[in-house]
């Protein structure tokens, strides 16, 4: 099998190509720019999602084959499936932030992660409208690639907890999450779409915290695997509220419960506070 850096070069090149396809649909320059929006479990899916999924899978499989690697993509995944027994699994979201893509906010991203035995070891997150490609390997740090080349990234440090900025979703909100956000010690908020774009804001030091709270539905492996490694290799943390690490390719594609991503500075304290606030909400003592 190729080494991780060789595989990263392939994944980065695939990410660049995928970004070009998405931008052609986003800006109406594709051969047939009609998005043909369908709904799957109340979530929109466009022809751009499908086209990019096919492109990423074909490129990766042509370069790396199916012998050493399995592939899970949002647009091809059929639930439920048992855990894939392969040691190495690609977890792909060809278009994270489809609603933002349709609404033309620019907050959409491509997630490509390589998972080894439940944990990400390689990640590429592309934000096409910013013309930025973020990449990381386990133990190798996080970098952002622009037209001017690549530079390393590090999360913010040294802020007071009240001065931290939360990135929040525009659409995935409910009363329970709003109650939690209203009662945290940090009240600066910035609305951003895709999870990839949220984590990009944290590693670019434009924000500091992101909270995910499952309700009737939960984020999926492909929403979080690539952004998690981009954050942690830049010095941040991404855990469940109880401090346990996220696990991928477990047989359940859903990431249930509360999760907090941050610059790491107040991770444990904020997780405990979040749990206490949600207990108050559930007990009706709000």
C-alpha atoms as a PDB file:
ATOM      1  CA  UNK A   1       0.000   0.000   0.000  1.00  0.00           C
ATOM      2  CA  UNK A   2       1.173   3.571  -0.660  1.00  0.00           C
ATOM      3  CA  UNK A   3       2.355   5.591   2.339  1.00  0.00           C
ATOM      4  CA  UNK A   4       0.103   8.202   3.940  1.00  0.00           C
ATOM      5  CA  UNK A   5       1.763  11.194   2.276  1.00  0.00           C
ATOM      6  CA  UNK A   6       1.341   9.643  -1.185  1.00  0.00           C
ATOM      7  CA  UNK A   7      -2.309   8.935  -0.397  1.00  0.00           C
ATOM      8  CA  UNK A   8      -2.729  12.517   0.857  1.00  0.00           C
ATOM      9  CA  UNK A   9      -1.438  13.887  -2.464  1.00  0.00           C
ATOM     10  CA  UNK A  10      -4.026  11.790  -4.293  1.00  0.00           C
ATOM     11  CA  UNK A  11      -6.815  12.946  -1.955  1.00  0.00           C
ATOM     12  CA  UNK A  12      -5.825  16.599  -2.324  1.00  0.00           C
ATOM     13  CA  UNK A  13      -5.873  16.321  -6.107  1.00  0.00           C
ATOM     14  CA  UNK A  14      -9.281  14.639  -5.975  1.00  0.00           C
ATOM     15  CA  UNK A  15     -10.517  17.421  -3.673  1.00  0.00           C
ATOM     16  CA  UNK A  16      -9.401  20.079  -6.142  1.00  0.00           C
ATOM     17  CA  UNK A  17     -11.202  18.363  -9.002  1.00  0.00           C
ATOM     18  CA  UNK A  18     -14.367  17.911  -6.925  1.00  0.00           C
ATOM     19  CA  UNK A  19     -14.308  21.624  -6.057  1.00  0.00           C
ATOM     20  CA  UNK A  20     -14.175  22.536  -9.740  1.00  0.00           C
ATOM     21  CA  UNK A  21     -17.274  20.427 -10.423  1.00  0.00           C
ATOM     22  CA  UNK A  22     -19.230  21.970  -7.534  1.00  0.00           C
ATOM     23  CA  UNK A  23     -18.275  25.493  -8.536  1.00  0.00           C
ATOM     24  CA  UNK A  24     -19.490  24.831 -12.087  1.00  0.00           C
ATOM     25  CA  UNK A  25     -22.934  23.937 -10.724  1.00  0.00           C
ATOM     26  CA  UNK A  26     -22.907  26.721  -8.143  1.00  0.00           C
ATOM     27  CA  UNK A  27     -22.083  29.394 -10.736  1.00  0.00           C
ATOM     28  CA  UNK A  28     -24.256  27.908 -13.494  1.00  0.00           C
ATOM     29  CA  UNK A  29     -21.416  27.079 -15.877  1.00  0.00           C
ATOM     30  CA  UNK A  30     -21.934  23.285 -15.880  1.00  0.00           C
ATOM     31  CA  UNK A  31     -23.103  21.722 -19.155  1.00  0.00           C
ATOM     32  CA  UNK A  32     -26.519  21.253 -17.552  1.00  0.00           C
ATOM     33  CA  UNK A  33     -26.617  23.505 -14.454  1.00  0.00           C
ATOM     34  CA  UNK A  34     -30.145  22.416 -13.387  1.00  0.00           C
ATOM     35  CA  UNK A  35     -29.730  21.123  -9.806  1.00  0.00           C
ATOM     36  CA  UNK A  36     -32.867  18.894  -9.976  1.00  0.00           C
ATOM     37  CA  UNK A  37     -33.388  19.093  -6.191  1.00  0.00           C
ATOM     38  CA  UNK A  38     -34.811  15.940  -4.567  1.00  0.00           C
ATOM     39  CA  UNK A  39     -35.477  15.275  -0.877  1.00  0.00           C
ATOM     40  CA  UNK A  40     -34.158  12.262   1.027  1.00  0.00           C
ATOM     41  CA  UNK A  41     -35.279  12.034   4.672  1.00  0.00           C
ATOM     42  CA  UNK A  42     -36.153  15.756   4.575  1.00  0.00           C
ATOM     43  CA  UNK A  43     -32.654  16.667   3.385  1.00  0.00           C
ATOM     44  CA  UNK A  44     -32.091  18.096  -0.107  1.00  0.00           C
ATOM     45  CA  UNK A  45     -29.983  16.227  -2.648  1.00  0.00           C
ATOM     46  CA  UNK A  46     -28.934  17.746  -5.976  1.00  0.00           C
ATOM     47  CA  UNK A  47     -27.368  16.410  -9.152  1.00  0.00           C
ATOM     48  CA  UNK A  48     -24.186  18.180  -7.981  1.00  0.00           C
ATOM     49  CA  UNK A  49     -24.051  15.945  -4.851  1.00  0.00           C
ATOM     50  CA  UNK A  50     -24.356  12.838  -7.018  1.00  0.00           C
ATOM     51  CA  UNK A  51     -21.918  13.984  -9.712  1.00  0.00           C
ATOM     52  CA  UNK A  52     -19.214  14.837  -7.175  1.00  0.00           C
ATOM     53  CA  UNK A  53     -19.776  11.603  -5.238  1.00  0.00           C
ATOM     54  CA  UNK A  54     -19.254   9.595  -8.432  1.00  0.00           C
ATOM     55  CA  UNK A  55     -16.178  11.638  -9.335  1.00  0.00           C
ATOM     56  CA  UNK A  56     -14.507  11.203  -5.913  1.00  0.00           C
ATOM     57  CA  UNK A  57     -15.230   7.476  -5.725  1.00  0.00           C
ATOM     58  CA  UNK A  58     -14.045   6.820  -9.285  1.00  0.00           C
ATOM     59  CA  UNK A  59     -10.828   8.810  -8.806  1.00  0.00           C
ATOM     60  CA  UNK A  60      -9.946   7.212  -5.450  1.00  0.00           C
ATOM     61  CA  UNK A  61     -10.780   3.696  -6.591  1.00  0.00           C
ATOM     62  CA  UNK A  62      -8.795   4.144  -9.822  1.00  0.00           C
ATOM     63  CA  UNK A  63      -5.763   5.308  -7.838  1.00  0.00           C
ATOM     64  CA  UNK A  64      -6.024   3.025  -4.815  1.00  0.00           C
ATOM     65  CA  UNK A  65      -8.303   0.087  -5.708  1.00  0.00           C
ATOM     66  CA  UNK A  66     -10.692  -1.861  -3.502  1.00  0.00           C
ATOM     67  CA  UNK A  67      -8.319  -4.386  -2.008  1.00  0.00           C
ATOM     68  CA  UNK A  68      -6.957  -2.343   0.887  1.00  0.00           C
ATOM     69  CA  UNK A  69      -9.740   0.239   1.118  1.00  0.00           C
ATOM     70  CA  UNK A  70     -13.493   0.385   1.592  1.00  0.00           C
ATOM     71  CA  UNK A  71     -15.538   3.449   0.634  1.00  0.00           C
ATOM     72  CA  UNK A  72     -18.508   5.092   2.354  1.00  0.00           C
ATOM     73  CA  UNK A  73     -20.079   8.120   0.670  1.00  0.00           C
ATOM     74  CA  UNK A  74     -23.229   9.936   1.750  1.00  0.00           C
ATOM     75  CA  UNK A  75     -24.767   9.532  -1.695  1.00  0.00           C
ATOM     76  CA  UNK A  76     -24.113   5.789  -2.029  1.00  0.00           C
ATOM     77  CA  UNK A  77     -24.572   4.623   1.563  1.00  0.00           C
ATOM     78  CA  UNK A  78     -27.497   2.277   2.104  1.00  0.00           C
ATOM     79  CA  UNK A  79     -28.561   2.107   5.733  1.00  0.00           C
ATOM     80  CA  UNK A  80     -28.422  -0.009   7.766  1.00  0.00           C
ATOM     81  CA  UNK A  81     -25.172  -1.814   7.095  1.00  0.00           C
ATOM     82  CA  UNK A  82     -22.911  -3.716   9.419  1.00  0.00           C
ATOM     83  CA  UNK A  83     -19.521  -2.261  10.203  1.00  0.00           C
ATOM     84  CA  UNK A  84     -17.221  -2.516   7.220  1.00  0.00           C
ATOM     85  CA  UNK A  85     -14.536  -5.006   8.182  1.00  0.00           C
ATOM     86  CA  UNK A  86     -11.831  -3.244   6.162  1.00  0.00           C
ATOM     87  CA  UNK A  87      -9.019  -1.773   8.222  1.00  0.00           C
ATOM     88  CA  UNK A  88      -8.963   1.358   6.027  1.00  0.00           C
ATOM     89  CA  UNK A  89     -12.215   3.110   5.106  1.00  0.00           C
ATOM     90  CA  UNK A  90     -12.731   6.297   3.113  1.00  0.00           C
ATOM     91  CA  UNK A  91     -15.610   8.368   4.522  1.00  0.00           C
ATOM     92  CA  UNK A  92     -16.794  10.986   2.047  1.00  0.00           C
ATOM     93  CA  UNK A  93     -19.294  13.824   1.972  1.00  0.00           C
ATOM     94  CA  UNK A  94     -19.272  15.147  -1.601  1.00  0.00           C
ATOM     95  CA  UNK A  95     -21.302  18.228  -0.638  1.00  0.00           C
ATOM     96  CA  UNK A  96     -21.625  19.176   3.014  1.00  0.00           C
ATOM     97  CA  UNK A  97     -24.052  22.067   3.326  1.00  0.00           C
ATOM     98  CA  UNK A  98     -26.410  21.308   0.437  1.00  0.00           C
ATOM     99  CA  UNK A  99     -28.989  23.815   1.724  1.00  0.00           C
ATOM    100  CA  UNK A 100     -26.327  26.535   1.724  1.00  0.00           C
ATOM    101  CA  UNK A 101     -25.259  25.430  -1.756  1.00  0.00           C
ATOM    102  CA  UNK A 102     -28.850  25.835  -2.978  1.00  0.00           C
ATOM    103  CA  UNK A 103     -29.320  29.131  -1.091  1.00  0.00           C
ATOM    104  CA  UNK A 104     -26.022  30.497  -2.464  1.00  0.00           C
ATOM    105  CA  UNK A 105     -24.502  31.406   0.925  1.00  0.00           C
ATOM    106  CA  UNK A 106     -21.116  30.004  -0.122  1.00  0.00           C
ATOM    107  CA  UNK A 107     -20.915  27.894   3.065  1.00  0.00           C
ATOM    108  CA  UNK A 108     -20.547  24.465   1.503  1.00  0.00           C
ATOM    109  CA  UNK A 109     -17.625  22.058   1.593  1.00  0.00           C
ATOM    110  CA  UNK A 110     -16.236  18.728   0.443  1.00  0.00           C
ATOM    111  CA  UNK A 111     -15.140  16.228   3.125  1.00  0.00           C
ATOM    112  CA  UNK A 112     -12.751  13.367   2.376  1.00  0.00           C
ATOM    113  CA  UNK A 113     -11.448  11.337   5.334  1.00  0.00           C
ATOM    114  CA  UNK A 114      -9.459   8.131   5.610  1.00  0.00           C
ATOM    115  CA  UNK A 115     -10.331   6.195   8.758  1.00  0.00           C
ATOM    116  CA  UNK A 116      -8.178   3.464  10.255  1.00  0.00           C
ATOM    117  CA  UNK A 117      -9.965   1.253  12.795  1.00  0.00           C
ATOM    118  CA  UNK A 118     -12.578   3.873  13.824  1.00  0.00           C
ATOM    119  CA  UNK A 119     -10.349   6.972  13.871  1.00  0.00           C
ATOM    120  CA  UNK A 120      -9.418   9.432  11.079  1.00  0.00           C
ATOM    121  CA  UNK A 121      -5.769   9.442   9.989  1.00  0.00           C
ATOM    122  CA  UNK A 122      -6.038  11.651   6.898  1.00  0.00           C
ATOM    123  CA  UNK A 123      -8.430  14.460   6.022  1.00  0.00           C
ATOM    124  CA  UNK A 124      -9.145  16.883   3.208  1.00  0.00           C
ATOM    125  CA  UNK A 125     -11.803  19.597   3.554  1.00  0.00           C
ATOM    126  CA  UNK A 126     -12.301  21.881   0.565  1.00  0.00           C
ATOM    127  CA  UNK A 127     -14.250  25.163   0.744  1.00  0.00           C
ATOM    128  CA  UNK A 128     -14.700  25.933  -2.967  1.00  0.00           C
ATOM    129  CA  UNK A 129     -16.038  29.494  -2.690  1.00  0.00           C
ATOM    130  CA  UNK A 130     -13.104  30.535  -0.493  1.00  0.00           C
ATOM    131  CA  UNK A 131     -10.746  28.669  -2.857  1.00  0.00           C
ATOM    132  CA  UNK A 132      -9.175  26.950   0.138  1.00  0.00           C
ATOM    133  CA  UNK A 133      -8.225  23.327   0.700  1.00  0.00           C
ATOM    134  CA  UNK A 134      -7.491  22.200   4.275  1.00  0.00           C
ATOM    135  CA  UNK A 135      -5.570  18.997   4.841  1.00  0.00           C
ATOM    136  CA  UNK A 136      -4.131  17.006   7.719  1.00  0.00           C
ATOM    137  CA  UNK A 137      -2.582  13.663   8.565  1.00  0.00           C
ATOM    138  CA  UNK A 138      -2.360  12.104  11.997  1.00  0.00           C
ATOM    139  CA  UNK A 139       0.623  13.626  13.802  1.00  0.00           C
ATOM    140  CA  UNK A 140       1.456  15.816  10.802  1.00  0.00           C
ATOM    141  CA  UNK A 141      -0.377  19.050  11.564  1.00  0.00           C
ATOM    142  CA  UNK A 142      -3.018  20.961   9.622  1.00  0.00           C
ATOM    143  CA  UNK A 143      -2.378  23.085   6.538  1.00  0.00           C
ATOM    144  CA  UNK A 144      -4.420  25.307   4.257  1.00  0.00           C
ATOM    145  CA  UNK A 145      -3.672  25.405   0.542  1.00  0.00           C
ATOM    146  CA  UNK A 146      -4.496  28.485  -1.512  1.00  0.00           C
ATOM    147  CA  UNK A 147      -3.266  29.757  -4.864  1.00  0.00           C
ATOM    148  CA  UNK A 148      -0.235  31.126  -3.004  1.00  0.00           C
ATOM    149  CA  UNK A 149       0.799  27.741  -1.606  1.00  0.00           C
ATOM    150  CA  UNK A 150       0.313  25.966   1.747  1.00  0.00           C
ATOM    151  CA  UNK A 151       0.756  27.270   5.276  1.00  0.00           C
ATOM    152  CA  UNK A 152       0.328  25.543   8.667  1.00  0.00           C
ATOM    153  CA  UNK A 153      -2.641  26.466  10.858  1.00  0.00           C
ATOM    154  CA  UNK A 154      -3.080  26.641  14.627  1.00  0.00           C
ATOM    155  CA  UNK A 155      -6.214  27.322  16.654  1.00  0.00           C
ATOM    156  CA  UNK A 156      -6.598  30.425  18.829  1.00  0.00           C
ATOM    157  CA  UNK A 157      -5.234  30.600  22.386  1.00  0.00           C
ATOM    158  CA  UNK A 158      -5.207  32.887  25.405  1.00  0.00           C
ATOM    159  CA  UNK A 159      -8.803  34.157  25.258  1.00  0.00           C
ATOM    160  CA  UNK A 160     -11.157  34.584  28.197  1.00  0.00           C
ATOM    161  CA  UNK A 161     -14.067  32.152  28.071  1.00  0.00           C
ATOM    162  CA  UNK A 162     -16.580  35.017  27.712  1.00  0.00           C
ATOM    163  CA  UNK A 163     -14.734  36.227  24.605  1.00  0.00           C
ATOM    164  CA  UNK A 164     -14.923  32.928  22.716  1.00  0.00           C
ATOM    165  CA  UNK A 165     -17.021  32.858  19.530  1.00  0.00           C
ATOM    166  CA  UNK A 166     -19.439  30.023  18.773  1.00  0.00           C
ATOM    167  CA  UNK A 167     -20.163  28.960  15.214  1.00  0.00           C
ATOM    168  CA  UNK A 168     -23.815  27.968  14.902  1.00  0.00           C
ATOM    169  CA  UNK A 169     -25.985  26.486  12.158  1.00  0.00           C
ATOM    170  CA  UNK A 170     -28.432  28.503  10.131  1.00  0.00           C
ATOM    171  CA  UNK A 171     -30.929  25.667   9.655  1.00  0.00           C
ATOM    172  CA  UNK A 172     -30.262  22.765  12.074  1.00  0.00           C
ATOM    173  CA  UNK A 173     -31.653  24.398  15.217  1.00  0.00           C
ATOM    174  CA  UNK A 174     -34.173  23.347  17.848  1.00  0.00           C
ATOM    175  CA  UNK A 175     -35.415  24.585  21.233  1.00  0.00           C
ATOM    176  CA  UNK A 176     -33.034  22.362  23.206  1.00  0.00           C
ATOM    177  CA  UNK A 177     -29.945  23.558  21.311  1.00  0.00           C
ATOM    178  CA  UNK A 178     -31.074  27.194  21.541  1.00  0.00           C
ATOM    179  CA  UNK A 179     -31.514  26.826  25.313  1.00  0.00           C
ATOM    180  CA  UNK A 180     -28.003  25.387  25.609  1.00  0.00           C
ATOM    181  CA  UNK A 181     -26.437  28.150  23.517  1.00  0.00           C
ATOM    182  CA  UNK A 182     -28.284  30.876  25.459  1.00  0.00           C
ATOM    183  CA  UNK A 183     -26.906  29.604  28.780  1.00  0.00           C
ATOM    184  CA  UNK A 184     -23.248  29.122  27.950  1.00  0.00           C
ATOM    185  CA  UNK A 185     -20.750  31.683  29.313  1.00  0.00           C
ATOM    186  CA  UNK A 186     -19.734  32.695  25.768  1.00  0.00           C
ATOM    187  CA  UNK A 187     -22.394  34.576  23.842  1.00  0.00           C
ATOM    188  CA  UNK A 188     -20.586  35.710  20.676  1.00  0.00           C
ATOM    189  CA  UNK A 189     -22.139  33.798  17.792  1.00  0.00           C
ATOM    190  CA  UNK A 190     -21.430  33.494  14.081  1.00  0.00           C
ATOM    191  CA  UNK A 191     -23.839  31.675  11.723  1.00  0.00           C
ATOM    192  CA  UNK A 192     -22.059  29.386   9.239  1.00  0.00           C
ATOM    193  CA  UNK A 193     -23.461  26.522   7.166  1.00  0.00           C
ATOM    194  CA  UNK A 194     -21.389  23.390   6.530  1.00  0.00           C
ATOM    195  CA  UNK A 195     -19.574  21.654   9.399  1.00  0.00           C
ATOM    196  CA  UNK A 196     -16.437  21.843   7.248  1.00  0.00           C
ATOM    197  CA  UNK A 197     -16.847  25.617   7.005  1.00  0.00           C
ATOM    198  CA  UNK A 198     -17.444  25.864  10.764  1.00  0.00           C
ATOM    199  CA  UNK A 199     -14.247  23.973  11.563  1.00  0.00           C
ATOM    200  CA  UNK A 200     -12.386  26.025   8.936  1.00  0.00           C
ATOM    201  CA  UNK A 201     -13.447  29.155  10.838  1.00  0.00           C
ATOM    202  CA  UNK A 202     -12.005  27.695  14.064  1.00  0.00           C
ATOM    203  CA  UNK A 203      -8.642  26.700  12.565  1.00  0.00           C
ATOM    204  CA  UNK A 204      -8.456  30.126  10.882  1.00  0.00           C
ATOM    205  CA  UNK A 205      -8.966  31.702  14.363  1.00  0.00           C
ATOM    206  CA  UNK A 206     -12.195  33.412  13.263  1.00  0.00           C
ATOM    207  CA  UNK A 207     -14.178  31.353  15.818  1.00  0.00           C
ATOM    208  CA  UNK A 208     -13.461  29.050  18.748  1.00  0.00           C
ATOM    209  CA  UNK A 209     -16.327  26.610  19.469  1.00  0.00           C
ATOM    210  CA  UNK A 210     -18.856  24.447  17.640  1.00  0.00           C
ATOM    211  CA  UNK A 211     -21.524  22.352  19.382  1.00  0.00           C
ATOM    212  CA  UNK A 212     -23.454  19.492  17.786  1.00  0.00           C
ATOM    213  CA  UNK A 213     -26.538  18.155  19.546  1.00  0.00           C
ATOM    214  CA  UNK A 214     -28.444  15.240  18.057  1.00  0.00           C
ATOM    215  CA  UNK A 215     -32.223  15.331  18.311  1.00  0.00           C
ATOM    216  CA  UNK A 216     -34.583  13.311  16.129  1.00  0.00           C
ATOM    217  CA  UNK A 217     -31.649  12.920  13.781  1.00  0.00           C
ATOM    218  CA  UNK A 218     -27.912  13.040  14.293  1.00  0.00           C
ATOM    219  CA  UNK A 219     -24.881  14.099  12.274  1.00  0.00           C
ATOM    220  CA  UNK A 220     -23.383  11.270  10.270  1.00  0.00           C
ATOM    221  CA  UNK A 221     -19.828   9.950  10.058  1.00  0.00           C
ATOM    222  CA  UNK A 222     -19.252  11.867   6.806  1.00  0.00           C
ATOM    223  CA  UNK A 223     -20.258  15.152   8.437  1.00  0.00           C
ATOM    224  CA  UNK A 224     -17.554  14.943  11.103  1.00  0.00           C
ATOM    225  CA  UNK A 225     -14.659  12.604  10.238  1.00  0.00           C
ATOM    226  CA  UNK A 226     -12.662  14.954   7.992  1.00  0.00           C
ATOM    227  CA  UNK A 227     -13.408  18.193   9.929  1.00  0.00           C
ATOM    228  CA  UNK A 228     -12.436  16.509  13.212  1.00  0.00           C
ATOM    229  CA  UNK A 229      -8.895  15.708  12.096  1.00  0.00           C
ATOM    230  CA  UNK A 230      -8.473  19.164  10.541  1.00  0.00           C
ATOM    231  CA  UNK A 231      -9.327  20.642  13.958  1.00  0.00           C
ATOM    232  CA  UNK A 232      -7.356  18.307  16.215  1.00  0.00           C
ATOM    233  CA  UNK A 233      -4.169  18.481  14.124  1.00  0.00           C
ATOM    234  CA  UNK A 234      -4.388  22.294  14.431  1.00  0.00           C
ATOM    235  CA  UNK A 235      -4.360  21.930  18.227  1.00  0.00           C
ATOM    236  CA  UNK A 236      -8.105  21.821  18.868  1.00  0.00           C
ATOM    237  CA  UNK A 237     -10.301  19.175  20.487  1.00  0.00           C
ATOM    238  CA  UNK A 238     -13.465  17.428  19.305  1.00  0.00           C
ATOM    239  CA  UNK A 239     -15.151  15.081  21.801  1.00  0.00           C
ATOM    240  CA  UNK A 240     -18.471  13.934  23.175  1.00  0.00           C
ATOM    241  CA  UNK A 241     -19.632  15.927  26.203  1.00  0.00           C
ATOM    242  CA  UNK A 242     -18.356  13.114  28.457  1.00  0.00           C
ATOM    243  CA  UNK A 243     -14.867  13.533  26.998  1.00  0.00           C
ATOM    244  CA  UNK A 244     -14.817  10.327  24.961  1.00  0.00           C
ATOM    245  CA  UNK A 245     -13.450  10.466  21.399  1.00  0.00           C
ATOM    246  CA  UNK A 246     -15.686  10.165  18.346  1.00  0.00           C
ATOM    247  CA  UNK A 247     -15.702   6.741  16.676  1.00  0.00           C
ATOM    248  CA  UNK A 248     -16.306   6.083  12.971  1.00  0.00           C
ATOM    249  CA  UNK A 249     -17.263   3.002  10.945  1.00  0.00           C
ATOM    250  CA  UNK A 250     -18.849   1.378  13.991  1.00  0.00           C
ATOM    251  CA  UNK A 251     -21.920  -0.033  12.223  1.00  0.00           C
ATOM    252  CA  UNK A 252     -24.066   2.962  13.201  1.00  0.00           C
ATOM    253  CA  UNK A 253     -23.415   5.833  10.811  1.00  0.00           C
ATOM    254  CA  UNK A 254     -25.074   8.280  13.243  1.00  0.00           C
ATOM    255  CA  UNK A 255     -23.106  10.319  15.787  1.00  0.00           C
ATOM    256  CA  UNK A 256     -25.563  10.475  18.672  1.00  0.00           C
ATOM    257  CA  UNK A 257     -25.457  12.732  21.724  1.00  0.00           C
ATOM    258  CA  UNK A 258     -23.751  16.022  22.418  1.00  0.00           C
ATOM    259  CA  UNK A 259     -20.376  16.871  20.942  1.00  0.00           C
ATOM    260  CA  UNK A 260     -18.163  19.902  21.363  1.00  0.00           C
ATOM    261  CA  UNK A 261     -15.379  21.089  19.083  1.00  0.00           C
ATOM    262  CA  UNK A 262     -13.148  23.900  20.273  1.00  0.00           C
ATOM    263  CA  UNK A 263      -9.684  25.451  20.359  1.00  0.00           C
ATOM    264  CA  UNK A 264      -9.212  23.130  23.336  1.00  0.00           C
ATOM    265  CA  UNK A 265      -8.665  25.848  25.904  1.00  0.00           C
ATOM    266  CA  UNK A 266     -11.828  25.238  27.955  1.00  0.00           C
ATOM    267  CA  UNK A 267     -12.910  21.925  26.410  1.00  0.00           C
ATOM    268  CA  UNK A 268     -13.540  19.912  29.583  1.00  0.00           C
ATOM    269  CA  UNK A 269     -15.156  22.791  31.500  1.00  0.00           C
ATOM    270  CA  UNK A 270     -17.479  23.679  28.613  1.00  0.00           C
ATOM    271  CA  UNK A 271     -18.470  20.028  28.133  1.00  0.00           C
ATOM    272  CA  UNK A 272     -19.429  19.778  31.820  1.00  0.00           C
ATOM    273  CA  UNK A 273     -21.367  23.045  31.644  1.00  0.00           C
ATOM    274  CA  UNK A 274     -23.208  21.854  28.537  1.00  0.00           C
ATOM    275  CA  UNK A 275     -24.230  18.632  30.295  1.00  0.00           C
ATOM    276  CA  UNK A 276     -25.473  20.584  33.346  1.00  0.00           C
ATOM    277  CA  UNK A 277     -27.454  23.038  31.202  1.00  0.00           C
ATOM    278  CA  UNK A 278     -29.127  20.187  29.309  1.00  0.00           C
ATOM    279  CA  UNK A 279     -29.988  18.470  32.609  1.00  0.00           C
ATOM    280  CA  UNK A 280     -31.723  21.694  33.718  1.00  0.00           C
ATOM    281  CA  UNK A 281     -33.596  21.815  30.415  1.00  0.00           C
ATOM    282  CA  UNK A 282     -34.733  18.189  30.685  1.00  0.00           C
ATOM    283  CA  UNK A 283     -35.816  18.552  34.337  1.00  0.00           C
ATOM    284  CA  UNK A 284     -37.904  21.596  33.444  1.00  0.00           C
ATOM    285  CA  UNK A 285     -36.055  23.898  35.842  1.00  0.00           C
ATOM    286  CA  UNK A 286     -35.427  26.438  33.102  1.00  0.00           C
END
